[in-house]
Amino acid sequence: EQKEVKVGEYNAVDDKLVIINNSIRFQGLEPPKDKTIIQEELRKISLPLYSILSALTILGMIMASAFLFFNIKNRNQKLIKMSSPYMNNLIILGGMLSYASIFLFGLDGSFVSEKTFETLCTVRTWILTVGYTTAFGAMFAKTWRVHAIFKNVKMKKKIIKDQKLLGIVGGMLLIDLCILICWQVVDPLRRTVEKYNMEPDPAGRDISIRPILEHCENTHMTIWLGIVYAYKGLLMLFGCFLAWETRNVSIPALNDSKYIGMSVYNVGIMCIIGAAVSFLTRDQPNVQFCIVALVIIFCSTITLCLVFVPKLITLRTNPDAATQNRRFQFTQNQKKEDSKTSTSVTSVNQASTSRLEGLQSENHRLRMKITELDKDLEEVTMQLQDTPEKTTYIKQNHYQDLNDILSIRNFTDGKDGEKAILKNHLDQNPPAPWGSSDPSRTSKDPIEDINSPEHIQRRLSLQLPILHHAYLPSIGGVDASCASPCVSPSASPRHRHVPPSFRVMVSGL
């Protein structure tokens, strides 16, 4: 009513307060507080957000199960068998463990009790750590086997069974377990409550809200996280080294270096971004959980897809393409103490290659020369077969001269190791022109019948190959002194190299 109402009277002399009944009225149902009420409120993860990320996680686990079924079903296929199906199963197992940790990261005090939450702090850390090591450890163990086989420069038979790879992965997991056990015994994770600054009530009430958050921490949290991150970082660097060393292996069923490099790159970048963002959003559990869950889902999914999708596509389209190429190249970085040995071996290989190329070119040149000589001999033979009528006009002196030419056997050894020189009979006794006659050679003595055209024609068929071999000493052939053209050059005791300038041409027959 906007009027002053007397509700009481205070006497300062007597120090008395007199209250008039039924005259005091307050706004609301109760008297006002003499101070602001502070109300603590637990910030929890939103149920719709948890449901959405859980659904994505379930889809990822279904995909991993499909890859596992594909790997087991086709484990006897050459493509899958060469890629170590047991290691592939471990990669899938590690991915599924990483997926499972997302469900645990989303459980807070609104879903579970304080004691259960403290237990979950340890369990989810162990599951994520073991899953990461199992997946990438198996992948790097496969790459190490390829590196160990192709590093064998002596090409000795080297068999590395899956049991040894399982031992490598087991060793990596043993290191993880030692770190986690020491962490749990010395400084275990505990549930801690962090209180933040007071915030006004969104409903306008006369109260202040103080947000509180639950965390999994211990006394030396930074030290333990540094140890874990250092070990995982060394593992990633080892994988990058193996991927780089095996990048030139051209057998797709064995070489996963490109996909490993992509996985390491994506996982490394996403982990750095996720760790930074989650640290900056400690006071916002929904954002923090969303970032952590998306990083785990992305890293696990991209790793599984890079490992199995190419194999699935290859097996569906061309299953033999990945195993047909048996020619491979491998480049490795030698240690410093072996640099001199590596340099000398490289020099020897280069010298051998140059010498081989020179011999091949010389061989090609000599083959071309043999081809030319064969053409000359073939031309002479064709002339003899196409003009038989001219042989009746060849006088006996011409047959005798031709017989002396074809019997090429006068090789002499020069002094001081000079090469043998073929004595050309035509230079000393040039043949008479066609049509001329020599009465001394026209005798019909039976002894001279050996120089008749029929005998000459018969001898040509045997002596022309000998003439061909007489040209070959300069190119590694035989000389005319060989008894037969079929005899190897080394069988002749009079084998000598004849200069290529001395040639005997038979024409005009």
Protein backbone atom coordinates (compact mmCIF):
# COMPACT_ATOMS: atom_id res chain seq x y z
CA GLU A 1 0.00 0.00 0.00
CA GLN A 2 3.08 2.19 -0.06
CA LYS A 3 2.52 3.37 3.58
CA GLU A 4 4.74 3.16 6.56
CA VAL A 5 3.53 0.75 9.19
CA LYS A 6 4.67 0.83 12.81
CA VAL A 7 5.77 -2.66 13.74
CA GLY A 8 7.53 -1.87 17.00
CA GLU A 9 9.22 0.61 19.27
CA TYR A 10 12.74 0.57 20.73
CA ASN A 11 13.56 2.47 23.96
CA ALA A 12 17.25 3.28 23.99
CA VAL A 13 17.21 4.41 27.66
CA ASP A 14 15.73 1.22 28.96
CA ASP A 15 17.17 -0.84 26.05
CA LYS A 16 13.81 -2.41 25.38
CA LEU A 17 12.18 -3.46 22.07
CA VAL A 18 8.40 -3.59 21.89
CA ILE A 19 6.95 -5.49 18.88
CA ILE A 20 3.42 -4.88 17.73
CA ASN A 21 1.71 -8.20 16.98
CA ASN A 22 0.59 -9.06 13.45
CA SER A 23 2.20 -6.00 11.99
CA ILE A 24 5.38 -7.58 10.40
CA ARG A 25 5.04 -8.92 6.88
CA PHE A 26 7.95 -10.37 4.76
CA GLN A 27 8.15 -11.18 1.07
CA GLY A 28 8.02 -14.85 0.54
CA LEU A 29 7.12 -17.71 2.79
CA GLU A 30 9.94 -17.26 5.27
CA PRO A 31 12.00 -14.50 6.80
CA PRO A 32 15.02 -13.38 4.78
CA LYS A 33 18.46 -14.96 5.44
CA ASP A 34 21.06 -12.98 7.26
CA LYS A 35 23.73 -14.25 4.73
CA THR A 36 23.94 -15.76 1.24
CA ILE A 37 23.46 -19.50 1.12
CA ILE A 38 26.26 -21.36 -0.74
CA GLN A 39 25.12 -24.53 -2.51
CA GLU A 40 27.62 -27.06 -3.99
CA GLU A 41 26.70 -28.59 -7.32
CA LEU A 42 28.45 -31.55 -8.96
CA ARG A 43 29.13 -31.00 -12.62
CA LYS A 44 28.41 -34.19 -14.44
CA ILE A 45 28.52 -35.47 -17.99
CA SER A 46 25.38 -34.92 -19.98
CA LEU A 47 23.40 -38.08 -20.53
CA PRO A 48 22.52 -37.28 -24.20
CA LEU A 49 26.20 -36.62 -24.96
CA TYR A 50 27.23 -39.85 -23.27
CA SER A 51 24.60 -41.73 -25.26
CA ILE A 52 25.73 -40.29 -28.61
CA LEU A 53 29.42 -41.03 -28.02
CA SER A 54 28.57 -44.49 -26.71
CA ALA A 55 26.64 -45.19 -29.92
CA LEU A 56 29.65 -44.12 -32.01
CA THR A 57 31.86 -46.35 -29.87
CA ILE A 58 29.54 -49.31 -30.42
CA LEU A 59 29.70 -48.73 -34.19
CA GLY A 60 33.48 -48.73 -33.99
CA MET A 61 33.49 -51.99 -32.07
CA ILE A 62 31.13 -53.52 -34.65
CA MET A 63 33.53 -52.46 -37.39
CA ALA A 64 36.45 -53.98 -35.48
CA SER A 65 34.48 -57.21 -35.07
CA ALA A 66 33.81 -57.27 -38.82
CA PHE A 67 37.55 -56.89 -39.50
CA LEU A 68 38.24 -59.69 -37.04
CA PHE A 69 35.75 -61.96 -38.81
CA PHE A 70 37.28 -61.08 -42.18
CA ASN A 71 40.79 -61.79 -40.91
CA ILE A 72 39.87 -65.16 -39.38
CA LYS A 73 37.81 -66.27 -42.37
CA ASN A 74 40.55 -65.45 -44.89
CA ARG A 75 43.53 -66.38 -42.76
CA ASN A 76 44.55 -69.07 -45.29
CA GLN A 77 44.46 -66.67 -48.22
CA LYS A 78 47.93 -65.82 -49.47
CA LEU A 79 47.39 -62.09 -49.04
CA ILE A 80 46.24 -62.37 -45.42
CA LYS A 81 48.66 -65.15 -44.56
CA MET A 82 51.64 -63.07 -45.66
CA SER A 83 50.45 -60.16 -43.51
CA SER A 84 50.58 -62.19 -40.26
CA PRO A 85 46.93 -62.89 -39.31
CA TYR A 86 47.82 -63.35 -35.62
CA MET A 87 49.33 -59.88 -35.49
CA ASN A 88 46.26 -58.53 -37.25
CA ASN A 89 44.10 -60.05 -34.51
CA LEU A 90 46.18 -58.29 -31.88
CA ILE A 91 45.75 -54.98 -33.70
CA ILE A 92 41.99 -55.47 -33.65
CA LEU A 93 42.07 -56.47 -29.98
CA GLY A 94 44.00 -53.31 -29.11
CA GLY A 95 41.49 -51.19 -30.99
CA MET A 96 38.56 -52.77 -29.20
CA LEU A 97 40.20 -52.19 -25.80
CA SER A 98 40.67 -48.54 -26.70
CA TYR A 99 37.01 -48.32 -27.70
CA ALA A 100 35.95 -49.92 -24.41
CA SER A 101 37.81 -47.32 -22.36
CA ILE A 102 35.40 -44.64 -23.66
CA PHE A 103 32.52 -46.16 -21.69
CA LEU A 104 34.56 -45.91 -18.50
CA PHE A 105 35.66 -42.33 -19.11
CA GLY A 106 31.99 -41.29 -19.28
CA LEU A 107 31.05 -42.70 -15.89
CA ASP A 108 31.18 -40.16 -13.07
CA GLY A 109 29.61 -39.58 -9.67
CA SER A 110 26.14 -39.20 -11.14
CA PHE A 111 26.20 -42.81 -12.30
CA VAL A 112 28.39 -44.61 -9.77
CA SER A 113 29.38 -44.26 -6.15
CA GLU A 114 32.55 -42.63 -4.92
CA LYS A 115 34.25 -45.95 -4.23
CA THR A 116 33.36 -47.31 -7.65
CA PHE A 117 34.55 -44.12 -9.30
CA GLU A 118 37.94 -44.47 -7.61
CA THR A 119 38.22 -48.02 -8.90
CA LEU A 120 37.30 -46.88 -12.40
CA CYS A 121 40.17 -44.38 -12.32
CA THR A 122 42.68 -47.23 -12.32
CA VAL A 123 40.78 -49.59 -14.61
CA ARG A 124 40.26 -47.16 -17.49
CA THR A 125 43.90 -46.07 -17.39
CA TRP A 126 45.10 -49.66 -17.62
CA ILE A 127 42.70 -50.56 -20.42
CA LEU A 128 43.64 -47.57 -22.59
CA THR A 129 47.38 -48.06 -22.05
CA VAL A 130 47.31 -51.80 -22.78
CA GLY A 131 45.05 -51.33 -25.80
CA TYR A 132 47.34 -48.72 -27.34
CA THR A 133 50.45 -50.86 -26.82
CA THR A 134 48.76 -54.00 -28.16
CA ALA A 135 47.58 -52.34 -31.37
CA PHE A 136 50.70 -50.40 -32.28
CA GLY A 137 53.07 -52.99 -30.82
CA ALA A 138 51.65 -55.68 -33.10
CA MET A 139 51.82 -53.33 -36.08
CA PHE A 140 55.45 -52.43 -35.38
CA ALA A 141 56.37 -56.08 -34.77
CA LYS A 142 55.09 -56.97 -38.25
CA THR A 143 57.16 -54.18 -39.74
CA TRP A 144 60.21 -55.28 -37.77
CA ARG A 145 59.99 -58.77 -39.29
CA VAL A 146 59.94 -57.29 -42.81
CA HIS A 147 62.89 -55.08 -41.86
CA ALA A 148 64.84 -58.02 -40.41
CA ILE A 149 64.26 -60.16 -43.51
CA PHE A 150 65.12 -57.51 -46.07
CA LYS A 151 68.08 -56.25 -44.06
CA ASN A 152 69.69 -59.65 -44.60
CA VAL A 153 72.10 -58.50 -47.32
CA LYS A 154 73.69 -61.95 -47.58
CA MET A 155 70.27 -63.28 -48.63
CA LYS A 156 70.51 -66.21 -46.25
CA LYS A 157 67.31 -68.00 -45.41
CA LYS A 158 65.86 -66.33 -42.35
CA ILE A 159 62.60 -67.43 -40.76
CA ILE A 160 60.90 -65.30 -38.11
CA LYS A 161 57.82 -67.06 -36.79
CA ASP A 162 54.76 -65.46 -35.25
CA GLN A 163 55.78 -66.76 -31.84
CA LYS A 164 58.76 -64.41 -31.88
CA LEU A 165 56.52 -61.50 -32.83
CA LEU A 166 54.17 -62.40 -29.99
CA GLY A 167 57.18 -62.33 -27.70
CA ILE A 168 58.03 -58.81 -28.89
CA VAL A 169 54.50 -57.59 -28.24
CA GLY A 170 54.56 -59.36 -24.87
CA GLY A 171 57.78 -57.55 -23.99
CA MET A 172 56.19 -54.18 -24.79
CA LEU A 173 53.18 -55.06 -22.66
CA LEU A 174 55.49 -56.18 -19.85
CA ILE A 175 57.07 -52.72 -19.80
CA ASP A 176 53.60 -51.21 -19.62
CA LEU A 177 52.62 -53.47 -16.76
CA CYS A 178 55.76 -52.63 -14.82
CA ILE A 179 55.06 -48.91 -15.14
CA LEU A 180 51.39 -49.30 -14.21
CA ILE A 181 52.09 -51.58 -11.25
CA CYS A 182 54.73 -49.22 -9.87
CA TRP A 183 52.32 -46.34 -10.36
CA GLN A 184 49.55 -48.17 -8.54
CA VAL A 185 51.75 -49.30 -5.65
CA VAL A 186 53.79 -46.15 -5.07
CA ASP A 187 51.27 -43.44 -5.86
CA PRO A 188 47.83 -44.81 -6.78
CA LEU A 189 45.10 -42.79 -8.42
CA ARG A 190 42.49 -41.35 -6.04
CA ARG A 191 39.20 -39.56 -6.37
CA THR A 192 39.72 -35.88 -5.81
CA VAL A 193 37.14 -33.10 -5.72
CA GLU A 194 38.02 -29.72 -7.14
CA LYS A 195 35.95 -26.68 -6.15
CA TYR A 196 35.59 -23.68 -8.42
CA ASN A 197 34.45 -20.10 -7.91
CA MET A 198 30.87 -19.41 -6.92
CA GLU A 199 28.34 -18.65 -9.61
CA PRO A 200 24.96 -16.92 -9.26
CA ASP A 201 21.81 -18.96 -9.30
CA PRO A 202 20.36 -19.08 -12.82
CA ALA A 203 16.82 -19.03 -11.29
CA GLY A 204 17.52 -15.77 -9.42
CA ARG A 205 17.29 -17.22 -5.93
CA ASP A 206 19.21 -15.78 -3.03
CA ILE A 207 21.82 -18.47 -3.19
CA SER A 208 25.29 -18.95 -4.74
CA ILE A 209 26.34 -22.08 -6.59
CA ARG A 210 29.85 -23.51 -6.16
CA PRO A 211 30.66 -26.06 -8.94
CA ILE A 212 32.65 -29.14 -7.92
CA LEU A 213 34.31 -31.69 -10.21
CA GLU A 214 35.63 -35.20 -9.68
CA HIS A 215 39.09 -36.03 -10.95
CA CYS A 216 41.41 -39.02 -10.91
CA GLU A 217 44.72 -37.71 -9.59
CA ASN A 218 47.58 -38.50 -7.28
CA THR A 219 50.46 -36.69 -5.66
CA HIS A 220 53.01 -36.95 -8.50
CA MET A 221 50.64 -37.06 -11.43
CA THR A 222 52.94 -35.10 -13.75
CA ILE A 223 55.87 -37.45 -13.24
CA TRP A 224 53.88 -40.60 -13.96
CA LEU A 225 52.25 -39.10 -17.04
CA GLY A 226 55.68 -38.00 -18.27
CA ILE A 227 56.98 -41.58 -17.95
CA VAL A 228 54.02 -43.01 -19.84
CA TYR A 229 54.17 -40.36 -22.57
CA ALA A 230 57.93 -40.85 -22.98
CA TYR A 231 57.55 -44.60 -23.45
CA LYS A 232 54.72 -44.21 -25.94
CA GLY A 233 56.68 -41.55 -27.80
CA LEU A 234 59.70 -43.86 -28.13
CA LEU A 235 57.40 -46.57 -29.40
CA MET A 236 56.03 -44.22 -32.04
CA LEU A 237 59.53 -43.15 -33.11
CA PHE A 238 60.55 -46.80 -33.43
CA GLY A 239 57.54 -47.41 -35.64
CA CYS A 240 58.43 -44.41 -37.80
CA PHE A 241 61.98 -45.70 -38.19
CA LEU A 242 60.80 -49.15 -39.27
CA ALA A 243 58.30 -47.64 -41.69
CA TRP A 244 61.03 -45.51 -43.26
CA GLU A 245 63.46 -48.42 -43.54
CA THR A 246 60.92 -50.66 -45.30
CA ARG A 247 59.41 -48.00 -47.56
CA ASN A 248 61.01 -49.52 -50.73
CA VAL A 249 59.74 -53.06 -50.22
CA SER A 250 57.52 -53.62 -53.27
CA ILE A 251 55.43 -56.52 -51.96
CA PRO A 252 52.14 -54.93 -50.87
CA ALA A 253 51.18 -57.93 -48.73
CA LEU A 254 54.26 -57.34 -46.58
CA ASN A 255 54.82 -53.63 -46.78
CA ASP A 256 52.54 -51.56 -44.52
CA SER A 257 55.06 -48.76 -44.12
CA LYS A 258 52.91 -46.15 -45.85
CA TYR A 259 49.87 -46.97 -43.73
CA ILE A 260 51.94 -47.15 -40.55
CA GLY A 261 53.37 -43.72 -41.30
CA MET A 262 49.88 -42.32 -41.82
CA SER A 263 48.65 -43.94 -38.61
CA VAL A 264 51.55 -42.59 -36.57
CA TYR A 265 51.05 -39.13 -38.03
CA ASN A 266 47.31 -39.05 -37.34
CA VAL A 267 47.58 -40.56 -33.88
CA GLY A 268 50.44 -38.27 -32.89
CA ILE A 269 48.69 -35.11 -34.03
CA MET A 270 45.35 -36.08 -32.51
CA CYS A 271 46.92 -37.06 -29.18
CA ILE A 272 48.76 -33.74 -28.91
CA ILE A 273 45.62 -31.77 -29.74
CA GLY A 274 43.46 -33.88 -27.44
CA ALA A 275 45.85 -33.60 -24.49
CA ALA A 276 46.11 -29.83 -24.86
CA VAL A 277 42.35 -29.26 -25.20
CA SER A 278 41.44 -31.62 -22.36
CA PHE A 279 43.89 -29.84 -20.07
CA LEU A 280 42.38 -26.45 -20.91
CA THR A 281 38.83 -27.68 -20.34
CA ARG A 282 39.22 -29.29 -16.93
CA ASP A 283 36.33 -27.26 -15.58
CA GLN A 284 33.99 -28.37 -18.39
CA PRO A 285 33.46 -32.13 -18.09
CA ASN A 286 31.20 -32.38 -21.13
CA VAL A 287 33.76 -30.75 -23.43
CA GLN A 288 36.61 -32.73 -21.91
CA PHE A 289 34.84 -36.05 -22.26
CA CYS A 290 33.78 -35.23 -25.83
CA ILE A 291 37.36 -34.39 -26.86
CA VAL A 292 38.86 -37.50 -25.24
CA ALA A 293 36.21 -39.81 -26.69
CA LEU A 294 36.49 -38.37 -30.22
CA VAL A 295 40.30 -38.64 -30.17
CA ILE A 296 40.14 -42.30 -29.12
CA ILE A 297 37.44 -43.11 -31.68
CA PHE A 298 39.29 -41.34 -34.48
CA CYS A 299 42.70 -42.88 -33.73
CA SER A 300 41.35 -46.42 -33.36
CA THR A 301 39.14 -46.19 -36.44
CA ILE A 302 41.77 -44.67 -38.71
CA THR A 303 44.35 -47.25 -37.62
CA LEU A 304 42.06 -50.23 -38.23
CA CYS A 305 40.88 -48.87 -41.57
CA LEU A 306 44.40 -48.17 -42.83
CA VAL A 307 45.48 -51.71 -41.95
CA PHE A 308 42.48 -53.72 -43.19
CA VAL A 309 40.59 -51.72 -45.82
CA PRO A 310 43.41 -51.98 -48.45
CA LYS A 311 43.59 -55.73 -47.88
CA LEU A 312 39.83 -56.03 -48.16
CA ILE A 313 39.78 -54.09 -51.45
CA THR A 314 42.72 -56.04 -52.88
CA LEU A 315 41.22 -59.37 -51.92
CA ARG A 316 37.91 -58.44 -53.57
CA THR A 317 39.39 -57.05 -56.79
CA ASN A 318 42.70 -58.79 -57.50
CA PRO A 319 43.89 -61.15 -54.74
CA ASP A 320 47.10 -62.11 -56.57
CA ALA A 321 48.26 -58.57 -57.33
CA ALA A 322 49.78 -58.06 -53.91
CA THR A 323 51.88 -61.23 -54.09
CA GLN A 324 52.92 -61.35 -57.77
CA ASN A 325 55.69 -58.80 -57.61
CA ARG A 326 58.65 -60.67 -56.26
CA ARG A 327 61.22 -58.09 -57.28
CA PHE A 328 61.96 -55.85 -54.38
CA GLN A 329 64.31 -53.12 -53.45
CA PHE A 330 65.56 -52.34 -50.01
CA THR A 331 67.54 -49.33 -48.87
CA GLN A 332 69.11 -49.29 -45.45
CA ASN A 333 71.22 -46.84 -43.53
CA GLN A 334 74.55 -48.38 -42.59
CA LYS A 335 76.14 -47.68 -39.23
CA LYS A 336 79.08 -45.33 -39.01
CA GLU A 337 81.56 -48.08 -38.24
CA ASP A 338 80.54 -49.94 -41.41
CA SER A 339 80.78 -46.92 -43.71
CA LYS A 340 84.16 -47.90 -45.16
CA THR A 341 83.04 -51.44 -45.89
CA SER A 342 79.86 -50.19 -47.50
CA THR A 343 81.85 -47.75 -49.69
CA SER A 344 84.25 -50.44 -50.88
CA VAL A 345 81.43 -52.86 -51.67
CA THR A 346 79.67 -50.15 -53.64
CA SER A 347 82.83 -49.40 -55.62
CA VAL A 348 83.30 -53.07 -56.47
CA ASN A 349 79.71 -53.35 -57.60
CA GLN A 350 80.04 -50.27 -59.81
CA ALA A 351 83.26 -51.59 -61.36
CA SER A 352 81.66 -54.97 -62.02
CA THR A 353 78.67 -53.28 -63.61
CA SER A 354 80.88 -51.15 -65.88
CA ARG A 355 82.91 -54.17 -66.91
CA LEU A 356 79.76 -56.16 -67.61
CA GLU A 357 78.37 -53.37 -69.78
CA GLY A 358 81.66 -53.19 -71.73
CA LEU A 359 81.67 -56.94 -72.31
CA GLN A 360 78.06 -56.85 -73.45
CA SER A 361 78.76 -54.09 -75.98
CA GLU A 362 81.84 -55.95 -77.27
CA ASN A 363 79.80 -59.13 -77.55
CA HIS A 364 77.15 -57.27 -79.55
CA ARG A 365 79.78 -55.84 -81.90
CA LEU A 366 81.35 -59.26 -82.52
CA ARG A 367 77.95 -60.80 -83.13
CA MET A 368 77.26 -58.15 -85.77
CA LYS A 369 80.60 -58.96 -87.40
CA ILE A 370 79.76 -62.68 -87.46
CA THR A 371 76.44 -61.82 -89.07
CA GLU A 372 78.20 -59.86 -91.84
CA LEU A 373 80.61 -62.76 -92.50
CA ASP A 374 77.71 -65.18 -92.64
CA LYS A 375 76.03 -62.98 -95.23
CA ASP A 376 79.21 -62.94 -97.35
CA LEU A 377 79.49 -66.74 -97.19
CA GLU A 378 75.84 -67.15 -98.02
CA GLU A 379 76.25 -64.88 -101.04
CA VAL A 380 79.22 -66.92 -102.28
CA THR A 381 77.29 -70.15 -101.83
CA MET A 382 74.30 -68.78 -103.75
CA GLN A 383 76.57 -67.70 -106.61
CA LEU A 384 78.03 -71.20 -106.81
CA GLN A 385 74.56 -72.78 -106.88
CA ASP A 386 73.01 -70.33 -109.38
CA THR A 387 75.80 -70.43 -112.06
CA PRO A 388 76.83 -74.07 -112.58
CA GLU A 389 77.34 -73.53 -116.32
CA LYS A 390 80.38 -71.32 -115.71
CA THR A 391 82.27 -74.11 -114.02
CA THR A 392 82.80 -75.89 -117.36
CA TYR A 393 84.88 -72.95 -118.56
CA ILE A 394 87.13 -72.81 -115.51
CA LYS A 395 90.51 -74.10 -116.47
CA GLN A 396 92.55 -76.47 -114.47
CA ASN A 397 94.91 -73.75 -113.28
CA HIS A 398 91.94 -71.82 -111.80
CA TYR A 399 90.75 -74.90 -109.92
CA GLN A 400 94.24 -75.48 -108.63
CA ASP A 401 94.54 -71.84 -107.48
CA LEU A 402 91.13 -71.96 -105.85
CA ASN A 403 92.05 -75.20 -104.15
CA ASP A 404 95.19 -73.60 -102.76
CA ILE A 405 93.19 -70.61 -101.50
CA LEU A 406 90.55 -72.75 -99.78
CA SER A 407 93.11 -74.99 -98.12
CA ILE A 408 94.41 -72.01 -96.06
CA ARG A 409 96.88 -73.75 -93.78
CA ASN A 410 100.10 -71.72 -94.02
CA PHE A 411 100.23 -69.99 -90.71
CA THR A 412 103.62 -69.09 -89.32
CA ASP A 413 104.52 -67.96 -85.87
CA GLY A 414 106.00 -64.48 -85.85
CA LYS A 415 108.99 -63.52 -83.76
CA ASP A 416 108.67 -61.86 -80.36
CA GLY A 417 105.11 -63.13 -79.92
CA GLU A 418 103.70 -61.53 -83.07
CA LYS A 419 100.39 -62.81 -84.33
CA ALA A 420 100.20 -65.37 -87.18
CA ILE A 421 99.80 -63.94 -90.69
CA LEU A 422 97.77 -65.62 -93.35
CA LYS A 423 99.71 -65.99 -96.60
CA ASN A 424 97.52 -64.97 -99.43
CA HIS A 425 98.29 -67.13 -102.41
CA LEU A 426 96.47 -64.87 -104.78
CA ASP A 427 98.96 -62.04 -104.07
CA GLN A 428 101.78 -64.25 -105.37
CA ASN A 429 99.96 -66.05 -108.20
CA PRO A 430 97.12 -63.91 -109.55
CA PRO A 431 94.58 -65.96 -111.49
CA ALA A 432 94.44 -65.78 -115.27
CA PRO A 433 91.55 -64.00 -116.93
CA TRP A 434 88.42 -65.87 -117.73
CA GLY A 435 88.56 -67.59 -121.08
CA SER A 436 92.37 -68.06 -121.20
CA SER A 437 93.78 -71.57 -121.45
CA ASP A 438 96.89 -73.27 -120.25
CA PRO A 439 97.86 -76.38 -122.18
CA SER A 440 99.85 -77.68 -119.28
CA ARG A 441 96.71 -77.88 -117.23
CA THR A 442 94.48 -79.58 -119.82
CA SER A 443 95.83 -83.02 -119.36
CA LYS A 444 93.30 -85.75 -118.88
CA ASP A 445 95.55 -87.60 -116.49
CA PRO A 446 93.45 -89.47 -113.92
CA ILE A 447 95.62 -88.00 -111.18
CA GLU A 448 94.43 -84.51 -112.12
CA ASP A 449 90.80 -85.59 -112.14
CA ILE A 450 90.66 -84.63 -108.47
CA ASN A 451 90.51 -81.05 -109.69
CA SER A 452 87.55 -81.69 -111.90
CA PRO A 453 84.47 -79.43 -111.42
CA GLU A 454 82.58 -82.17 -109.64
CA HIS A 455 85.37 -82.66 -107.09
CA ILE A 456 85.78 -78.92 -106.61
CA GLN A 457 82.01 -78.50 -106.05
CA ARG A 458 82.04 -81.30 -103.51
CA ARG A 459 85.01 -79.86 -101.65
CA LEU A 460 83.42 -76.41 -101.56
CA SER A 461 80.60 -77.73 -99.43
CA LEU A 462 83.14 -78.76 -96.80
CA GLN A 463 85.82 -76.10 -97.20
CA LEU A 464 83.62 -73.02 -97.25
CA PRO A 465 82.77 -73.49 -93.55
CA ILE A 466 86.50 -73.88 -92.96
CA LEU A 467 87.02 -70.60 -94.77
CA HIS A 468 84.37 -69.05 -92.50
CA HIS A 469 86.19 -70.29 -89.42
CA ALA A 470 89.43 -68.89 -90.82
CA TYR A 471 88.00 -65.45 -90.25
CA LEU A 472 87.01 -66.13 -86.67
CA PRO A 473 90.37 -65.96 -84.77
CA SER A 474 89.94 -62.21 -84.42
CA ILE A 475 86.63 -62.77 -82.72
CA GLY A 476 87.42 -65.95 -80.83
CA GLY A 477 86.87 -68.49 -83.64
CA VAL A 478 89.08 -71.17 -85.17
CA ASP A 479 91.74 -71.02 -87.86
CA ALA A 480 91.90 -72.88 -91.14
CA SER A 481 94.19 -75.53 -89.78
CA CYS A 482 91.38 -77.16 -87.87
CA ALA A 483 90.42 -80.48 -89.32
CA SER A 484 86.72 -79.77 -89.06
CA PRO A 485 84.61 -76.66 -88.60
CA CYS A 486 82.86 -78.34 -85.72
CA VAL A 487 86.04 -78.49 -83.63
CA SER A 488 86.26 -75.87 -80.88
CA PRO A 489 88.98 -73.21 -81.11
CA SER A 490 90.83 -74.55 -78.12
CA ALA A 491 91.22 -77.94 -79.79
CA SER A 492 93.58 -76.63 -82.46
CA PRO A 493 97.27 -76.56 -81.52
CA ARG A 494 97.89 -73.90 -84.14
CA HIS A 495 95.18 -71.53 -82.98
CA ARG A 496 96.26 -67.94 -83.51
CA HIS A 497 94.53 -64.59 -83.81
CA VAL A 498 94.58 -63.27 -87.37
CA PRO A 499 94.36 -59.56 -88.00
CA PRO A 500 91.00 -58.66 -89.47
CA SER A 501 92.66 -56.85 -92.43
CA PHE A 502 93.66 -60.12 -94.16
CA ARG A 503 90.59 -61.37 -95.96
CA VAL A 504 90.06 -63.81 -98.84
CA MET A 505 87.25 -63.00 -101.23
CA VAL A 506 85.87 -65.62 -103.61
CA SER A 507 83.94 -64.17 -106.49
CA GLY A 508 83.31 -64.69 -110.17
CA LEU A 509 82.60 -68.37 -109.89
